[in-house]
Structures are given as C-alpha cells and as structure tokens.
Amino acid sequence: MPLDTMLRTVRAETAAEQRRADDLAGTVTALFGAGGDTSEAERELFDVLDGLALLRMREHAIEVMRAFAPATAEA
C-alpha cells in the first residue's frame, strides 16, 4: 500500500477515535456531575485514549517514512 494511502487511512481512523474519545469524555463528565458511577465509562475512555496514542505514533512513523522515501516509491 502506498504511504500516502496509509497516511490517509490512519488519519481517518485517528479522527474517528478522537470523536469517540470526545463523546466518552462528555459521558464521564455528565455521569460525574450527576453523581453516577463513572468507572466503566472512564475505563472505556482510557482504552480509547490508549488506542488514539498508538494511532498518532503510527501516523508520525508513516510521515517519517514518507519524508525519506524516494519520489518514485509512490508511483
């Protein structure tokens, strides 16, 4: 798979996971404000944040590979 395609795919996955993390953060905040049990929502949020960090590292690695790839490698 070309690096540009890989980068677009990872960026799309990152954006989707960021939206999911934002939604979960809102859920945790609402539960906390209502005095509810936030443990399950927090656990899910931290799982998503861990995955998001890995996606961002993967994105960075692909950007570095792309920067050092020969121009003909993407053809």
PDB file of N, CA and C in Angstrom:
ATOM      1  N   MET A   1       0.852  -1.171   0.000  1.00  0.00           N
ATOM      2  CA  MET A   1       0.000   0.000   0.000  1.00  0.00           C
ATOM      3  C   MET A   1       0.902   1.239   0.000  1.00  0.00           C
ATOM      4  N   PRO A   2       0.602   2.200  -0.846  1.00  0.00           N
ATOM      5  CA  PRO A   2       1.413   3.428  -0.877  1.00  0.00           C
ATOM      6  C   PRO A   2       1.331   4.179   0.458  1.00  0.00           C
ATOM      7  N   LEU A   3       2.406   4.858   0.789  1.00  0.00           N
ATOM      8  CA  LEU A   3       2.469   5.571   2.069  1.00  0.00           C
ATOM      9  C   LEU A   3       1.397   6.655   2.176  1.00  0.00           C
ATOM     10  N   ASP A   4       1.103   7.346   1.080  1.00  0.00           N
ATOM     11  CA  ASP A   4       0.064   8.382   1.124  1.00  0.00           C
ATOM     12  C   ASP A   4      -1.293   7.778   1.477  1.00  0.00           C
ATOM     13  N   THR A   5      -1.579   6.619   0.931  1.00  0.00           N
ATOM     14  CA  THR A   5      -2.837   5.926   1.233  1.00  0.00           C
ATOM     15  C   THR A   5      -2.863   5.482   2.686  1.00  0.00           C
ATOM     16  N   MET A   6      -1.748   4.944   3.149  1.00  0.00           N
ATOM     17  CA  MET A   6      -1.660   4.533   4.555  1.00  0.00           C
ATOM     18  C   MET A   6      -1.884   5.721   5.478  1.00  0.00           C
ATOM     19  N   LEU A   7      -1.279   6.858   5.125  1.00  0.00           N
ATOM     20  CA  LEU A   7      -1.401   8.049   5.963  1.00  0.00           C
ATOM     21  C   LEU A   7      -2.846   8.548   5.994  1.00  0.00           C
ATOM     22  N   ARG A   8      -3.504   8.571   4.841  1.00  0.00           N
ATOM     23  CA  ARG A   8      -4.914   8.994   4.811  1.00  0.00           C
ATOM     24  C   ARG A   8      -5.780   8.073   5.658  1.00  0.00           C
ATOM     25  N   THR A   9      -5.515   6.767   5.578  1.00  0.00           N
ATOM     26  CA  THR A   9      -6.289   5.793   6.343  1.00  0.00           C
ATOM     27  C   THR A   9      -6.087   5.987   7.842  1.00  0.00           C
ATOM     28  N   VAL A  10      -4.841   6.150   8.257  1.00  0.00           N
ATOM     29  CA  VAL A  10      -4.549   6.340   9.684  1.00  0.00           C
ATOM     30  C   VAL A  10      -5.152   7.653  10.177  1.00  0.00           C
ATOM     31  N   ARG A  11      -5.078   8.694   9.366  1.00  0.00           N
ATOM     32  CA  ARG A  11      -5.678   9.978   9.772  1.00  0.00           C
ATOM     33  C   ARG A  11      -7.187   9.874   9.926  1.00  0.00           C
ATOM     34  N   ALA A  12      -7.837   9.120   9.051  1.00  0.00           N
ATOM     35  CA  ALA A  12      -9.288   8.922   9.168  1.00  0.00           C
ATOM     36  C   ALA A  12      -9.612   8.132  10.439  1.00  0.00           C
ATOM     37  N   GLU A  13      -8.833   7.093  10.715  1.00  0.00           N
ATOM     38  CA  GLU A  13      -9.033   6.312  11.944  1.00  0.00           C
ATOM     39  C   GLU A  13      -8.800   7.175  13.179  1.00  0.00           C
ATOM     40  N   THR A  14      -7.781   8.017  13.117  1.00  0.00           N
ATOM     41  CA  THR A  14      -7.467   8.906  14.240  1.00  0.00           C
ATOM     42  C   THR A  14      -8.614   9.878  14.491  1.00  0.00           C
ATOM     43  N   ALA A  15      -9.155  10.455  13.429  1.00  0.00           N
ATOM     44  CA  ALA A  15     -10.267  11.403  13.578  1.00  0.00           C
ATOM     45  C   ALA A  15     -11.491  10.716  14.191  1.00  0.00           C
ATOM     46  N   ALA A  16     -11.778   9.500  13.737  1.00  0.00           N
ATOM     47  CA  ALA A  16     -12.924   8.760  14.279  1.00  0.00           C
ATOM     48  C   ALA A  16     -12.727   8.441  15.762  1.00  0.00           C
ATOM     49  N   GLU A  17     -11.533   8.026  16.120  1.00  0.00           N
ATOM     50  CA  GLU A  17     -11.251   7.708  17.525  1.00  0.00           C
ATOM     51  C   GLU A  17     -11.250   8.970  18.385  1.00  0.00           C
ATOM     52  N   GLN A  18     -10.829  10.095  17.822  1.00  0.00           N
ATOM     53  CA  GLN A  18     -10.863  11.357  18.569  1.00  0.00           C
ATOM     54  C   GLN A  18     -12.309  11.747  18.873  1.00  0.00           C
ATOM     55  N   ARG A  19     -13.196  11.582  17.875  1.00  0.00           N
ATOM     56  CA  ARG A  19     -14.617  11.863  18.112  1.00  0.00           C
ATOM     57  C   ARG A  19     -15.175  10.941  19.187  1.00  0.00           C
ATOM     58  N   ARG A  20     -14.783   9.673  19.134  1.00  0.00           N
ATOM     59  CA  ARG A  20     -15.239   8.714  20.149  1.00  0.00           C
ATOM     60  C   ARG A  20     -14.741   9.109  21.537  1.00  0.00           C
ATOM     61  N   ALA A  21     -13.478   9.524  21.625  1.00  0.00           N
ATOM     62  CA  ALA A  21     -12.914   9.955  22.909  1.00  0.00           C
ATOM     63  C   ALA A  21     -13.649  11.191  23.428  1.00  0.00           C
ATOM     64  N   ASP A  22     -13.957  12.124  22.536  1.00  0.00           N
ATOM     65  CA  ASP A  22     -14.687  13.328  22.944  1.00  0.00           C
ATOM     66  C   ASP A  22     -16.070  12.972  23.487  1.00  0.00           C
ATOM     67  N   ASP A  23     -16.757  12.044  22.805  1.00  0.00           N
ATOM     68  CA  ASP A  23     -18.074  11.606  23.271  1.00  0.00           C
ATOM     69  C   ASP A  23     -17.987  10.935  24.638  1.00  0.00           C
ATOM     70  N   LEU A  24     -16.999  10.078  24.807  1.00  0.00           N
ATOM     71  CA  LEU A  24     -16.830   9.397  26.091  1.00  0.00           C
ATOM     72  C   LEU A  24     -16.464  10.372  27.203  1.00  0.00           C
ATOM     73  N   ALA A  25     -15.656  11.367  26.881  1.00  0.00           N
ATOM     74  CA  ALA A  25     -15.308  12.379  27.888  1.00  0.00           C
ATOM     75  C   ALA A  25     -16.561  13.122  28.334  1.00  0.00           C
ATOM     76  N   GLY A  26     -17.440  13.402  27.381  1.00  0.00           N
ATOM     77  CA  GLY A  26     -18.715  14.040  27.728  1.00  0.00           C
ATOM     78  C   GLY A  26     -19.565  13.155  28.614  1.00  0.00           C
ATOM     79  N   THR A  27     -19.565  11.865  28.323  1.00  0.00           N
ATOM     80  CA  THR A  27     -20.322  10.910  29.135  1.00  0.00           C
ATOM     81  C   THR A  27     -19.775  10.855  30.557  1.00  0.00           C
ATOM     82  N   VAL A  28     -18.457  10.787  30.684  1.00  0.00           N
ATOM     83  CA  VAL A  28     -17.831  10.751  32.015  1.00  0.00           C
ATOM     84  C   VAL A  28     -18.169  12.029  32.784  1.00  0.00           C
ATOM     85  N   THR A  29     -18.072  13.159  32.116  1.00  0.00           N
ATOM     86  CA  THR A  29     -18.372  14.438  32.768  1.00  0.00           C
ATOM     87  C   THR A  29     -19.824  14.492  33.237  1.00  0.00           C
ATOM     88  N   ALA A  30     -20.731  14.039  32.368  1.00  0.00           N
ATOM     89  CA  ALA A  30     -22.150  14.051  32.736  1.00  0.00           C
ATOM     90  C   ALA A  30     -22.429  13.106  33.906  1.00  0.00           C
ATOM     91  N   LEU A  31     -21.862  11.911  33.856  1.00  0.00           N
ATOM     92  CA  LEU A  31     -22.059  10.968  34.960  1.00  0.00           C
ATOM     93  C   LEU A  31     -21.489  11.513  36.260  1.00  0.00           C
ATOM     94  N   PHE A  32     -20.310  12.097  36.174  1.00  0.00           N
ATOM     95  CA  PHE A  32     -19.682  12.654  37.368  1.00  0.00           C
ATOM     96  C   PHE A  32     -20.532  13.788  37.947  1.00  0.00           C
ATOM     97  N   GLY A  33     -21.026  14.645  37.062  1.00  0.00           N
ATOM     98  CA  GLY A  33     -21.867  15.760  37.504  1.00  0.00           C
ATOM     99  C   GLY A  33     -23.163  15.303  38.140  1.00  0.00           C
ATOM    100  N   ALA A  34     -23.673  14.167  37.679  1.00  0.00           N
ATOM    101  CA  ALA A  34     -24.923  13.633  38.219  1.00  0.00           C
ATOM    102  C   ALA A  34     -24.684  12.735  39.424  1.00  0.00           C
ATOM    103  N   GLY A  35     -23.423  12.564  39.783  1.00  0.00           N
ATOM    104  CA  GLY A  35     -23.107  11.712  40.934  1.00  0.00           C
ATOM    105  C   GLY A  35     -23.175  10.233  40.618  1.00  0.00           C
ATOM    106  N   GLY A  36     -23.131   9.894  39.346  1.00  0.00           N
ATOM    107  CA  GLY A  36     -23.218   8.494  38.937  1.00  0.00           C
ATOM    108  C   GLY A  36     -21.873   7.786  38.998  1.00  0.00           C
ATOM    109  N   ASP A  37     -21.915   6.509  38.718  1.00  0.00           N
ATOM    110  CA  ASP A  37     -20.707   5.680  38.698  1.00  0.00           C
ATOM    111  C   ASP A  37     -20.012   5.882  37.348  1.00  0.00           C
ATOM    112  N   THR A  38     -18.812   6.414  37.372  1.00  0.00           N
ATOM    113  CA  THR A  38     -18.078   6.716  36.140  1.00  0.00           C
ATOM    114  C   THR A  38     -17.031   5.668  35.805  1.00  0.00           C
ATOM    115  N   SER A  39     -16.883   4.644  36.631  1.00  0.00           N
ATOM    116  CA  SER A  39     -15.759   3.717  36.470  1.00  0.00           C
ATOM    117  C   SER A  39     -15.743   3.023  35.107  1.00  0.00           C
ATOM    118  N   GLU A  40     -16.877   2.524  34.653  1.00  0.00           N
ATOM    119  CA  GLU A  40     -16.914   1.825  33.355  1.00  0.00           C
ATOM    120  C   GLU A  40     -16.657   2.798  32.210  1.00  0.00           C
ATOM    121  N   ALA A  41     -17.267   3.962  32.257  1.00  0.00           N
ATOM    122  CA  ALA A  41     -17.064   4.962  31.201  1.00  0.00           C
ATOM    123  C   ALA A  41     -15.619   5.457  31.190  1.00  0.00           C
ATOM    124  N   GLU A  42     -15.040   5.634  32.367  1.00  0.00           N
ATOM    125  CA  GLU A  42     -13.633   6.053  32.435  1.00  0.00           C
ATOM    126  C   GLU A  42     -12.711   4.979  31.870  1.00  0.00           C
ATOM    127  N   ARG A  43     -12.981   3.744  32.177  1.00  0.00           N
ATOM    128  CA  ARG A  43     -12.163   2.631  31.677  1.00  0.00           C
ATOM    129  C   ARG A  43     -12.218   2.597  30.148  1.00  0.00           C
ATOM    130  N   GLU A  44     -13.429   2.755  29.603  1.00  0.00           N
ATOM    131  CA  GLU A  44     -13.583   2.767  28.144  1.00  0.00           C
ATOM    132  C   GLU A  44     -12.875   3.976  27.536  1.00  0.00           C
ATOM    133  N   LEU A  45     -12.981   5.132  28.197  1.00  0.00           N
ATOM    134  CA  LEU A  45     -12.302   6.336  27.719  1.00  0.00           C
ATOM    135  C   LEU A  45     -10.792   6.144  27.683  1.00  0.00           C
ATOM    136  N   PHE A  46     -10.238   5.584  28.728  1.00  0.00           N
ATOM    137  CA  PHE A  46      -8.790   5.383  28.760  1.00  0.00           C
ATOM    138  C   PHE A  46      -8.332   4.355  27.718  1.00  0.00           C
ATOM    139  N   ASP A  47      -9.172   3.362  27.455  1.00  0.00           N
ATOM    140  CA  ASP A  47      -8.855   2.405  26.385  1.00  0.00           C
ATOM    141  C   ASP A  47      -8.799   3.112  25.035  1.00  0.00           C
ATOM    142  N   VAL A  48      -9.771   3.971  24.795  1.00  0.00           N
ATOM    143  CA  VAL A  48      -9.803   4.725  23.534  1.00  0.00           C
ATOM    144  C   VAL A  48      -8.609   5.668  23.453  1.00  0.00           C
ATOM    145  N   LEU A  49      -8.271   6.322  24.558  1.00  0.00           N
ATOM    146  CA  LEU A  49      -7.126   7.230  24.556  1.00  0.00           C
ATOM    147  C   LEU A  49      -5.817   6.484  24.300  1.00  0.00           C
ATOM    148  N   ASP A  50      -5.694   5.281  24.846  1.00  0.00           N
ATOM    149  CA  ASP A  50      -4.504   4.459  24.565  1.00  0.00           C
ATOM    150  C   ASP A  50      -4.408   4.149  23.077  1.00  0.00           C
ATOM    151  N   GLY A  51      -5.525   3.740  22.492  1.00  0.00           N
ATOM    152  CA  GLY A  51      -5.549   3.448  21.062  1.00  0.00           C
ATOM    153  C   GLY A  51      -5.256   4.679  20.223  1.00  0.00           C
ATOM    154  N   LEU A  52      -5.757   5.823  20.673  1.00  0.00           N
ATOM    155  CA  LEU A  52      -5.513   7.079  19.971  1.00  0.00           C
ATOM    156  C   LEU A  52      -4.034   7.440  19.990  1.00  0.00           C
ATOM    157  N   ALA A  53      -3.386   7.223  21.105  1.00  0.00           N
ATOM    158  CA  ALA A  53      -1.945   7.491  21.192  1.00  0.00           C
ATOM    159  C   ALA A  53      -1.173   6.596  20.224  1.00  0.00           C
ATOM    160  N   LEU A  54      -1.565   5.334  20.129  1.00  0.00           N
ATOM    161  CA  LEU A  54      -0.903   4.412  19.201  1.00  0.00           C
ATOM    162  C   LEU A  54      -1.131   4.828  17.749  1.00  0.00           C
ATOM    163  N   LEU A  55      -2.344   5.265  17.429  1.00  0.00           N
ATOM    164  CA  LEU A  55      -2.621   5.729  16.075  1.00  0.00           C
ATOM    165  C   LEU A  55      -1.782   6.959  15.729  1.00  0.00           C
ATOM    166  N   ARG A  56      -1.629   7.858  16.688  1.00  0.00           N
ATOM    167  CA  ARG A  56      -0.828   9.059  16.435  1.00  0.00           C
ATOM    168  C   ARG A  56       0.648   8.713  16.257  1.00  0.00           C
ATOM    169  N   MET A  57       1.144   7.744  16.995  1.00  0.00           N
ATOM    170  CA  MET A  57       2.528   7.301  16.796  1.00  0.00           C
ATOM    171  C   MET A  57       2.682   6.653  15.426  1.00  0.00           C
ATOM    172  N   ARG A  58       1.686   5.877  15.034  1.00  0.00           N
ATOM    173  CA  ARG A  58       1.719   5.244  13.708  1.00  0.00           C
ATOM    174  C   ARG A  58       1.696   6.306  12.604  1.00  0.00           C
ATOM    175  N   GLU A  59       0.863   7.318  12.788  1.00  0.00           N
ATOM    176  CA  GLU A  59       0.794   8.416  11.824  1.00  0.00           C
ATOM    177  C   GLU A  59       2.154   9.103  11.696  1.00  0.00           C
ATOM    178  N   HIS A  60       2.772   9.366  12.816  1.00  0.00           N
ATOM    179  CA  HIS A  60       4.092  10.015  12.799  1.00  0.00           C
ATOM    180  C   HIS A  60       5.118   9.134  12.087  1.00  0.00           C
ATOM    181  N   ALA A  61       5.096   7.848  12.364  1.00  0.00           N
ATOM    182  CA  ALA A  61       6.044   6.926  11.723  1.00  0.00           C
ATOM    183  C   ALA A  61       5.859   6.909  10.210  1.00  0.00           C
ATOM    184  N   ILE A  62       4.610   6.920   9.762  1.00  0.00           N
ATOM    185  CA  ILE A  62       4.353   6.931   8.318  1.00  0.00           C
ATOM    186  C   ILE A  62       4.828   8.245   7.701  1.00  0.00           C
ATOM    187  N   GLU A  63       4.613   9.362   8.410  1.00  0.00           N
ATOM    188  CA  GLU A  63       5.092  10.653   7.903  1.00  0.00           C
ATOM    189  C   GLU A  63       6.615  10.652   7.755  1.00  0.00           C
ATOM    190  N   VAL A  64       7.304  10.066   8.716  1.00  0.00           N
ATOM    191  CA  VAL A  64       8.769   9.995   8.646  1.00  0.00           C
ATOM    192  C   VAL A  64       9.193   9.107   7.478  1.00  0.00           C
ATOM    193  N   MET A  65       8.539   7.950   7.323  1.00  0.00           N
ATOM    194  CA  MET A  65       8.874   7.076   6.195  1.00  0.00           C
ATOM    195  C   MET A  65       8.634   7.789   4.870  1.00  0.00           C
ATOM    196  N   ARG A  66       7.547   8.518   4.793  1.00  0.00           N
ATOM    197  CA  ARG A  66       7.216   9.236   3.562  1.00  0.00           C
ATOM    198  C   ARG A  66       8.250  10.310   3.260  1.00  0.00           C
ATOM    199  N   ALA A  67       8.743  10.965   4.308  1.00  0.00           N
ATOM    200  CA  ALA A  67       9.737  12.027   4.117  1.00  0.00           C
ATOM    201  C   ALA A  67      11.047  11.473   3.560  1.00  0.00           C
ATOM    202  N   PHE A  68      11.378  10.237   3.902  1.00  0.00           N
ATOM    203  CA  PHE A  68      12.640   9.646   3.455  1.00  0.00           C
ATOM    204  C   PHE A  68      12.476   8.692   2.272  1.00  0.00           C
ATOM    205  N   ALA A  69      11.247   8.483   1.829  1.00  0.00           N
ATOM    206  CA  ALA A  69      11.017   7.574   0.704  1.00  0.00           C
ATOM    207  C   ALA A  69      11.431   8.238  -0.605  1.00  0.00           C
ATOM    208  N   PRO A  70      11.995   7.459  -1.505  1.00  0.00           N
ATOM    209  CA  PRO A  70      12.312   8.013  -2.820  1.00  0.00           C
ATOM    210  C   PRO A  70      11.028   8.461  -3.523  1.00  0.00           C
ATOM    211  N   ALA A  71      11.125   9.470  -4.330  1.00  0.00           N
ATOM    212  CA  ALA A  71       9.951  10.023  -5.005  1.00  0.00           C
ATOM    213  C   ALA A  71       9.244   8.988  -5.871  1.00  0.00           C
ATOM    214  N   THR A  72       9.977   8.044  -6.425  1.00  0.00           N
ATOM    215  CA  THR A  72       9.384   7.029  -7.299  1.00  0.00           C
ATOM    216  C   THR A  72       8.652   5.929  -6.529  1.00  0.00           C
ATOM    217  N   ALA A  73       8.832   5.865  -5.223  1.00  0.00           N
ATOM    218  CA  ALA A  73       8.214   4.803  -4.430  1.00  0.00           C
ATOM    219  C   ALA A  73       6.699   4.935  -4.413  1.00  0.00           C
ATOM    220  N   GLU A  74       6.162   6.123  -4.585  1.00  0.00           N
ATOM    221  CA  GLU A  74       4.718   6.339  -4.527  1.00  0.00           C
ATOM    222  C   GLU A  74       4.059   6.158  -5.891  1.00  0.00           C
ATOM    223  N   ALA A  75       4.828   6.003  -6.932  1.00  0.00           N
ATOM    224  CA  ALA A  75       4.253   5.903  -8.286  1.00  0.00           C
ATOM    225  C   ALA A  75       3.581   4.570  -8.527  1.00  0.00           C
TER     226      ALA A  75
END
